[in-house]
Amino acid sequence: MKNQDDMLDEYDFSNGIRGKYSQQYSEGINIIKLDSDVQKIFPDAKSVNNALRTLINLIPKNQTESV
Protein backbone atom coordinates (compact mmCIF):
# COMPACT_ATOMS: atom_id res chain seq x y z
CA MET A 1 0.00 0.00 0.00
CA LYS A 2 1.35 3.43 -0.93
CA ASN A 3 1.53 6.23 1.55
CA GLN A 4 0.92 9.93 0.99
CA ASP A 5 4.66 10.59 0.61
CA ASP A 6 4.53 8.91 -2.83
CA MET A 7 3.39 12.19 -4.44
CA LEU A 8 6.13 13.26 -6.83
CA ASP A 9 7.49 16.82 -6.78
CA GLU A 10 6.86 17.27 -10.52
CA TYR A 11 3.09 16.98 -10.14
CA ASP A 12 1.69 20.46 -10.64
CA PHE A 13 -1.82 21.11 -9.37
CA SER A 14 -1.45 24.89 -9.29
CA ASN A 15 -4.08 25.29 -12.03
CA GLY A 16 -6.40 22.68 -10.53
CA ILE A 17 -9.96 23.56 -9.61
CA ARG A 18 -11.16 22.18 -6.28
CA GLY A 19 -14.56 20.53 -6.53
CA LYS A 20 -14.79 20.85 -10.32
CA TYR A 21 -16.91 17.71 -10.64
CA SER A 22 -18.51 17.66 -7.18
CA GLN A 23 -21.95 18.77 -8.47
CA GLN A 24 -22.06 16.00 -11.07
CA TYR A 25 -20.84 13.47 -8.52
CA SER A 26 -23.43 14.50 -5.96
CA GLU A 27 -26.19 14.04 -8.56
CA GLY A 28 -25.06 10.45 -8.90
CA ILE A 29 -24.03 8.33 -11.79
CA ASN A 30 -25.37 4.87 -12.37
CA ILE A 31 -23.21 2.77 -14.67
CA ILE A 32 -24.23 -0.80 -15.40
CA LYS A 33 -22.12 -3.27 -17.35
CA LEU A 34 -24.16 -5.35 -19.76
CA ASP A 35 -23.12 -8.84 -20.76
CA SER A 36 -21.99 -9.10 -24.39
CA ASP A 37 -25.08 -11.05 -25.51
CA VAL A 38 -27.35 -8.36 -24.04
CA GLN A 39 -25.24 -5.59 -25.59
CA LYS A 40 -25.93 -7.01 -29.03
CA ILE A 41 -29.64 -6.41 -28.53
CA PHE A 42 -29.36 -3.19 -26.50
CA PRO A 43 -26.34 -1.29 -27.85
CA ASP A 44 -27.00 2.06 -26.16
CA ALA A 45 -28.64 3.70 -23.14
CA LYS A 46 -31.73 4.70 -25.13
CA SER A 47 -32.54 1.12 -26.14
CA VAL A 48 -32.01 -0.16 -22.59
CA ASN A 49 -34.22 2.58 -21.12
CA ASN A 50 -36.98 1.90 -23.67
CA ALA A 51 -36.94 -1.81 -22.85
CA LEU A 52 -37.03 -1.17 -19.11
CA ARG A 53 -39.90 1.29 -19.48
CA THR A 54 -41.82 -1.35 -21.40
CA LEU A 55 -41.25 -3.80 -18.55
CA ILE A 56 -42.31 -1.19 -16.01
CA ASN A 57 -45.60 -0.73 -17.87
CA LEU A 58 -46.24 -4.46 -17.57
CA ILE A 59 -45.97 -4.38 -13.77
CA PRO A 60 -49.32 -3.94 -12.02
CA LYS A 61 -49.88 -0.30 -11.02
CA ASN A 62 -50.06 -1.00 -7.27
CA GLN A 63 -46.54 -2.47 -7.32
CA THR A 64 -44.95 0.57 -9.01
CA GLU A 65 -46.54 3.25 -6.83
CA SER A 66 -43.78 2.96 -4.22
CA VAL A 67 -41.06 3.50 -6.83
PDB file of N, CA and C in Angstrom:
ATOM      1  N   MET A   1       0.841  -1.177   0.000  1.00  0.00           N
ATOM      2  CA  MET A   1       0.000   0.000   0.000  1.00  0.00           C
ATOM      3  C   MET A   1       0.886   1.240   0.000  1.00  0.00           C
ATOM      4  N   LYS A   2       0.565   2.199  -0.840  1.00  0.00           N
ATOM      5  CA  LYS A   2       1.348   3.430  -0.929  1.00  0.00           C
ATOM      6  C   LYS A   2       0.936   4.394   0.173  1.00  0.00           C
ATOM      7  N   ASN A   3       1.884   5.205   0.584  1.00  0.00           N
ATOM      8  CA  ASN A   3       1.526   6.235   1.552  1.00  0.00           C
ATOM      9  C   ASN A   3       1.486   7.594   0.869  1.00  0.00           C
ATOM     10  N   GLN A   4       1.099   8.607   1.583  1.00  0.00           N
ATOM     11  CA  GLN A   4       0.920   9.934   0.988  1.00  0.00           C
ATOM     12  C   GLN A   4       2.235  10.556   0.537  1.00  0.00           C
ATOM     13  N   ASP A   5       3.359  10.048   1.006  1.00  0.00           N
ATOM     14  CA  ASP A   5       4.658  10.593   0.607  1.00  0.00           C
ATOM     15  C   ASP A   5       5.056  10.170  -0.800  1.00  0.00           C
ATOM     16  N   ASP A   6       4.227   9.369  -1.473  1.00  0.00           N
ATOM     17  CA  ASP A   6       4.525   8.913  -2.826  1.00  0.00           C
ATOM     18  C   ASP A   6       4.214   9.970  -3.884  1.00  0.00           C
ATOM     19  N   MET A   7       3.690  11.121  -3.492  1.00  0.00           N
ATOM     20  CA  MET A   7       3.390  12.192  -4.436  1.00  0.00           C
ATOM     21  C   MET A   7       4.724  12.763  -4.953  1.00  0.00           C
ATOM     22  N   LEU A   8       4.889  12.774  -6.249  1.00  0.00           N
ATOM     23  CA  LEU A   8       6.134  13.263  -6.834  1.00  0.00           C
ATOM     24  C   LEU A   8       6.148  14.787  -6.887  1.00  0.00           C
ATOM     25  N   ASP A   9       7.335  15.363  -6.772  1.00  0.00           N
ATOM     26  CA  ASP A   9       7.486  16.817  -6.779  1.00  0.00           C
ATOM     27  C   ASP A   9       7.063  17.438  -8.106  1.00  0.00           C
ATOM     28  N   GLU A  10       7.177  16.689  -9.213  1.00  0.00           N
ATOM     29  CA  GLU A  10       6.863  17.269 -10.520  1.00  0.00           C
ATOM     30  C   GLU A  10       5.368  17.354 -10.810  1.00  0.00           C
ATOM     31  N   TYR A  11       4.532  16.809  -9.957  1.00  0.00           N
ATOM     32  CA  TYR A  11       3.089  16.978 -10.143  1.00  0.00           C
ATOM     33  C   TYR A  11       2.729  18.430  -9.857  1.00  0.00           C
ATOM     34  N   ASP A  12       2.037  19.040 -10.793  1.00  0.00           N
ATOM     35  CA  ASP A  12       1.688  20.456 -10.643  1.00  0.00           C
ATOM     36  C   ASP A  12       0.172  20.605 -10.647  1.00  0.00           C
ATOM     37  N   PHE A  13      -0.382  20.918  -9.501  1.00  0.00           N
ATOM     38  CA  PHE A  13      -1.819  21.110  -9.370  1.00  0.00           C
ATOM     39  C   PHE A  13      -2.165  22.582  -9.179  1.00  0.00           C
ATOM     40  N   SER A  14      -1.236  23.460  -9.532  1.00  0.00           N
ATOM     41  CA  SER A  14      -1.448  24.891  -9.287  1.00  0.00           C
ATOM     42  C   SER A  14      -2.620  25.445 -10.097  1.00  0.00           C
ATOM     43  N   ASN A  15      -2.943  24.833 -11.222  1.00  0.00           N
ATOM     44  CA  ASN A  15      -4.083  25.290 -12.029  1.00  0.00           C
ATOM     45  C   ASN A  15      -5.328  24.437 -11.806  1.00  0.00           C
ATOM     46  N   GLY A  16      -5.273  23.555 -10.820  1.00  0.00           N
ATOM     47  CA  GLY A  16      -6.400  22.681 -10.533  1.00  0.00           C
ATOM     48  C   GLY A  16      -7.566  23.464  -9.945  1.00  0.00           C
ATOM     49  N   ILE A  17      -8.748  22.931 -10.136  1.00  0.00           N
ATOM     50  CA  ILE A  17      -9.962  23.561  -9.609  1.00  0.00           C
ATOM     51  C   ILE A  17     -10.578  22.601  -8.599  1.00  0.00           C
ATOM     52  N   ARG A  18     -10.606  23.025  -7.342  1.00  0.00           N
ATOM     53  CA  ARG A  18     -11.158  22.184  -6.283  1.00  0.00           C
ATOM     54  C   ARG A  18     -12.668  22.036  -6.473  1.00  0.00           C
ATOM     55  N   GLY A  19     -13.135  20.798  -6.438  1.00  0.00           N
ATOM     56  CA  GLY A  19     -14.564  20.530  -6.532  1.00  0.00           C
ATOM     57  C   GLY A  19     -15.149  20.692  -7.923  1.00  0.00           C
ATOM     58  N   LYS A  20     -14.322  20.632  -8.954  1.00  0.00           N
ATOM     59  CA  LYS A  20     -14.785  20.852 -10.323  1.00  0.00           C
ATOM     60  C   LYS A  20     -15.938  19.920 -10.717  1.00  0.00           C
ATOM     61  N   TYR A  21     -15.893  18.684 -10.266  1.00  0.00           N
ATOM     62  CA  TYR A  21     -16.912  17.711 -10.636  1.00  0.00           C
ATOM     63  C   TYR A  21     -17.808  17.318  -9.470  1.00  0.00           C
ATOM     64  N   SER A  22     -17.752  18.049  -8.367  1.00  0.00           N
ATOM     65  CA  SER A  22     -18.514  17.656  -7.183  1.00  0.00           C
ATOM     66  C   SER A  22     -20.025  17.713  -7.415  1.00  0.00           C
ATOM     67  N   GLN A  23     -20.509  18.669  -8.190  1.00  0.00           N
ATOM     68  CA  GLN A  23     -21.948  18.770  -8.468  1.00  0.00           C
ATOM     69  C   GLN A  23     -22.428  17.544  -9.235  1.00  0.00           C
ATOM     70  N   GLN A  24     -21.686  17.175 -10.288  1.00  0.00           N
ATOM     71  CA  GLN A  24     -22.057  16.002 -11.074  1.00  0.00           C
ATOM     72  C   GLN A  24     -21.999  14.744 -10.218  1.00  0.00           C
ATOM     73  N   TYR A  25     -20.982  14.640  -9.377  1.00  0.00           N
ATOM     74  CA  TYR A  25     -20.840  13.468  -8.520  1.00  0.00           C
ATOM     75  C   TYR A  25     -21.987  13.375  -7.522  1.00  0.00           C
ATOM     76  N   SER A  26     -22.367  14.511  -6.960  1.00  0.00           N
ATOM     77  CA  SER A  26     -23.432  14.499  -5.960  1.00  0.00           C
ATOM     78  C   SER A  26     -24.784  14.137  -6.575  1.00  0.00           C
ATOM     79  N   GLU A  27     -24.956  14.409  -7.866  1.00  0.00           N
ATOM     80  CA  GLU A  27     -26.193  14.039  -8.555  1.00  0.00           C
ATOM     81  C   GLU A  27     -26.258  12.540  -8.801  1.00  0.00           C
ATOM     82  N   GLY A  28     -25.122  11.902  -8.768  1.00  0.00           N
ATOM     83  CA  GLY A  28     -25.057  10.453  -8.897  1.00  0.00           C
ATOM     84  C   GLY A  28     -24.943   9.993 -10.332  1.00  0.00           C
ATOM     85  N   ILE A  29     -24.216   8.945 -10.485  1.00  0.00           N
ATOM     86  CA  ILE A  29     -24.032   8.330 -11.793  1.00  0.00           C
ATOM     87  C   ILE A  29     -24.274   6.844 -11.605  1.00  0.00           C
ATOM     88  N   ASN A  30     -25.043   6.271 -12.478  1.00  0.00           N
ATOM     89  CA  ASN A  30     -25.371   4.866 -12.372  1.00  0.00           C
ATOM     90  C   ASN A  30     -24.896   4.162 -13.634  1.00  0.00           C
ATOM     91  N   ILE A  31     -23.774   3.477 -13.522  1.00  0.00           N
ATOM     92  CA  ILE A  31     -23.214   2.768 -14.670  1.00  0.00           C
ATOM     93  C   ILE A  31     -23.435   1.284 -14.453  1.00  0.00           C
ATOM     94  N   ILE A  32     -23.969   0.634 -15.471  1.00  0.00           N
ATOM     95  CA  ILE A  32     -24.234  -0.799 -15.402  1.00  0.00           C
ATOM     96  C   ILE A  32     -23.545  -1.461 -16.581  1.00  0.00           C
ATOM     97  N   LYS A  33     -22.808  -2.519 -16.310  1.00  0.00           N
ATOM     98  CA  LYS A  33     -22.116  -3.267 -17.351  1.00  0.00           C
ATOM     99  C   LYS A  33     -23.042  -4.360 -17.854  1.00  0.00           C
ATOM    100  N   LEU A  34     -23.315  -4.323 -19.149  1.00  0.00           N
ATOM    101  CA  LEU A  34     -24.165  -5.351 -19.764  1.00  0.00           C
ATOM    102  C   LEU A  34     -23.301  -6.492 -20.277  1.00  0.00           C
ATOM    103  N   ASP A  35     -23.808  -7.699 -20.173  1.00  0.00           N
ATOM    104  CA  ASP A  35     -23.121  -8.845 -20.764  1.00  0.00           C
ATOM    105  C   ASP A  35     -23.138  -8.688 -22.284  1.00  0.00           C
ATOM    106  N   SER A  36     -22.162  -9.300 -22.943  1.00  0.00           N
ATOM    107  CA  SER A  36     -21.994  -9.104 -24.386  1.00  0.00           C
ATOM    108  C   SER A  36     -23.226  -9.538 -25.186  1.00  0.00           C
ATOM    109  N   ASP A  37     -23.894 -10.613 -24.765  1.00  0.00           N
ATOM    110  CA  ASP A  37     -25.079 -11.052 -25.507  1.00  0.00           C
ATOM    111  C   ASP A  37     -26.217 -10.046 -25.383  1.00  0.00           C
ATOM    112  N   VAL A  38     -26.321  -9.381 -24.238  1.00  0.00           N
ATOM    113  CA  VAL A  38     -27.346  -8.360 -24.036  1.00  0.00           C
ATOM    114  C   VAL A  38     -26.985  -7.094 -24.807  1.00  0.00           C
ATOM    115  N   GLN A  39     -25.697  -6.777 -24.855  1.00  0.00           N
ATOM    116  CA  GLN A  39     -25.239  -5.592 -25.590  1.00  0.00           C
ATOM    117  C   GLN A  39     -25.570  -5.671 -27.077  1.00  0.00           C
ATOM    118  N   LYS A  40     -25.597  -6.855 -27.604  1.00  0.00           N
ATOM    119  CA  LYS A  40     -25.927  -7.013 -29.033  1.00  0.00           C
ATOM    120  C   LYS A  40     -27.354  -6.561 -29.316  1.00  0.00           C
ATOM    121  N   ILE A  41     -28.241  -6.777 -28.363  1.00  0.00           N
ATOM    122  CA  ILE A  41     -29.641  -6.405 -28.527  1.00  0.00           C
ATOM    123  C   ILE A  41     -29.895  -4.963 -28.094  1.00  0.00           C
ATOM    124  N   PHE A  42     -29.192  -4.532 -27.055  1.00  0.00           N
ATOM    125  CA  PHE A  42     -29.362  -3.185 -26.503  1.00  0.00           C
ATOM    126  C   PHE A  42     -28.019  -2.450 -26.542  1.00  0.00           C
ATOM    127  N   PRO A  43     -27.675  -1.861 -27.683  1.00  0.00           N
ATOM    128  CA  PRO A  43     -26.338  -1.286 -27.854  1.00  0.00           C
ATOM    129  C   PRO A  43     -26.112   0.073 -27.193  1.00  0.00           C
ATOM    130  N   ASP A  44     -27.182   0.725 -26.741  1.00  0.00           N
ATOM    131  CA  ASP A  44     -26.996   2.061 -26.159  1.00  0.00           C
ATOM    132  C   ASP A  44     -27.996   2.293 -25.027  1.00  0.00           C
ATOM    133  N   ALA A  45     -27.800   3.384 -24.299  1.00  0.00           N
ATOM    134  CA  ALA A  45     -28.642   3.699 -23.143  1.00  0.00           C
ATOM    135  C   ALA A  45     -30.106   3.869 -23.541  1.00  0.00           C
ATOM    136  N   LYS A  46     -30.349   4.465 -24.699  1.00  0.00           N
ATOM    137  CA  LYS A  46     -31.730   4.702 -25.128  1.00  0.00           C
ATOM    138  C   LYS A  46     -32.489   3.384 -25.296  1.00  0.00           C
ATOM    139  N   SER A  47     -31.864   2.405 -25.926  1.00  0.00           N
ATOM    140  CA  SER A  47     -32.542   1.121 -26.143  1.00  0.00           C
ATOM    141  C   SER A  47     -32.770   0.384 -24.824  1.00  0.00           C
ATOM    142  N   VAL A  48     -31.835   0.472 -23.906  1.00  0.00           N
ATOM    143  CA  VAL A  48     -32.008  -0.158 -22.589  1.00  0.00           C
ATOM    144  C   VAL A  48     -33.154   0.514 -21.841  1.00  0.00           C
ATOM    145  N   ASN A  49     -33.161   1.847 -21.818  1.00  0.00           N
ATOM    146  CA  ASN A  49     -34.222   2.584 -21.119  1.00  0.00           C
ATOM    147  C   ASN A  49     -35.593   2.287 -21.712  1.00  0.00           C
ATOM    148  N   ASN A  50     -35.691   2.217 -23.034  1.00  0.00           N
ATOM    149  CA  ASN A  50     -36.976   1.897 -23.665  1.00  0.00           C
ATOM    150  C   ASN A  50     -37.462   0.510 -23.257  1.00  0.00           C
ATOM    151  N   ALA A  51     -36.554  -0.450 -23.240  1.00  0.00           N
ATOM    152  CA  ALA A  51     -36.941  -1.812 -22.853  1.00  0.00           C
ATOM    153  C   ALA A  51     -37.382  -1.854 -21.391  1.00  0.00           C
ATOM    154  N   LEU A  52     -36.660  -1.169 -20.527  1.00  0.00           N
ATOM    155  CA  LEU A  52     -37.028  -1.174 -19.113  1.00  0.00           C
ATOM    156  C   LEU A  52     -38.356  -0.456 -18.876  1.00  0.00           C
ATOM    157  N   ARG A  53     -38.609   0.604 -19.609  1.00  0.00           N
ATOM    158  CA  ARG A  53     -39.900   1.291 -19.477  1.00  0.00           C
ATOM    159  C   ARG A  53     -41.049   0.394 -19.928  1.00  0.00           C
ATOM    160  N   THR A  54     -40.809  -0.400 -20.955  1.00  0.00           N
ATOM    161  CA  THR A  54     -41.818  -1.354 -21.397  1.00  0.00           C
ATOM    162  C   THR A  54     -42.115  -2.364 -20.293  1.00  0.00           C
ATOM    163  N   LEU A  55     -41.058  -2.857 -19.654  1.00  0.00           N
ATOM    164  CA  LEU A  55     -41.254  -3.796 -18.549  1.00  0.00           C
ATOM    165  C   LEU A  55     -41.985  -3.136 -17.382  1.00  0.00           C
ATOM    166  N   ILE A  56     -41.643  -1.913 -17.095  1.00  0.00           N
ATOM    167  CA  ILE A  56     -42.314  -1.191 -16.007  1.00  0.00           C
ATOM    168  C   ILE A  56     -43.803  -1.090 -16.275  1.00  0.00           C
ATOM    169  N   ASN A  57     -44.176  -0.837 -17.522  1.00  0.00           N
ATOM    170  CA  ASN A  57     -45.596  -0.726 -17.872  1.00  0.00           C
ATOM    171  C   ASN A  57     -46.345  -2.052 -17.734  1.00  0.00           C
ATOM    172  N   LEU A  58     -45.618  -3.155 -17.729  1.00  0.00           N
ATOM    173  CA  LEU A  58     -46.238  -4.463 -17.567  1.00  0.00           C
ATOM    174  C   LEU A  58     -46.478  -4.822 -16.107  1.00  0.00           C
ATOM    175  N   ILE A  59     -45.813  -4.119 -15.199  1.00  0.00           N
ATOM    176  CA  ILE A  59     -45.968  -4.382 -13.767  1.00  0.00           C
ATOM    177  C   ILE A  59     -47.286  -3.764 -13.305  1.00  0.00           C
ATOM    178  N   PRO A  60     -48.054  -4.497 -12.524  1.00  0.00           N
ATOM    179  CA  PRO A  60     -49.320  -3.937 -12.018  1.00  0.00           C
ATOM    180  C   PRO A  60     -49.092  -2.600 -11.311  1.00  0.00           C
ATOM    181  N   LYS A  61     -50.000  -1.681 -11.508  1.00  0.00           N
ATOM    182  CA  LYS A  61     -49.881  -0.300 -11.022  1.00  0.00           C
ATOM    183  C   LYS A  61     -49.589  -0.229  -9.518  1.00  0.00           C
ATOM    184  N   ASN A  62     -50.252  -1.063  -8.712  1.00  0.00           N
ATOM    185  CA  ASN A  62     -50.057  -0.995  -7.270  1.00  0.00           C
ATOM    186  C   ASN A  62     -48.652  -1.384  -6.835  1.00  0.00           C
ATOM    187  N   GLN A  63     -47.910  -2.090  -7.654  1.00  0.00           N
ATOM    188  CA  GLN A  63     -46.540  -2.475  -7.319  1.00  0.00           C
ATOM    189  C   GLN A  63     -45.533  -1.382  -7.684  1.00  0.00           C
ATOM    190  N   THR A  64     -45.882  -0.485  -8.589  1.00  0.00           N
ATOM    191  CA  THR A  64     -44.953   0.569  -9.011  1.00  0.00           C
ATOM    192  C   THR A  64     -45.191   1.892  -8.299  1.00  0.00           C
ATOM    193  N   GLU A  65     -46.247   1.985  -7.498  1.00  0.00           N
ATOM    194  CA  GLU A  65     -46.541   3.247  -6.831  1.00  0.00           C
ATOM    195  C   GLU A  65     -45.495   3.628  -5.801  1.00  0.00           C
ATOM    196  N   SER A  66     -44.800   2.663  -5.228  1.00  0.00           N
ATOM    197  CA  SER A  66     -43.785   2.958  -4.222  1.00  0.00           C
ATOM    198  C   SER A  66     -42.452   3.326  -4.834  1.00  0.00           C
ATOM    199  N   VAL A  67     -42.328   3.217  -6.149  1.00  0.00           N
ATOM    200  CA  VAL A  67     -41.059   3.496  -6.827  1.00  0.00           C
ATOM    201  C   VAL A  67     -40.880   4.950  -7.085  1.00  0.00           C
TER     202      VAL A  67
END
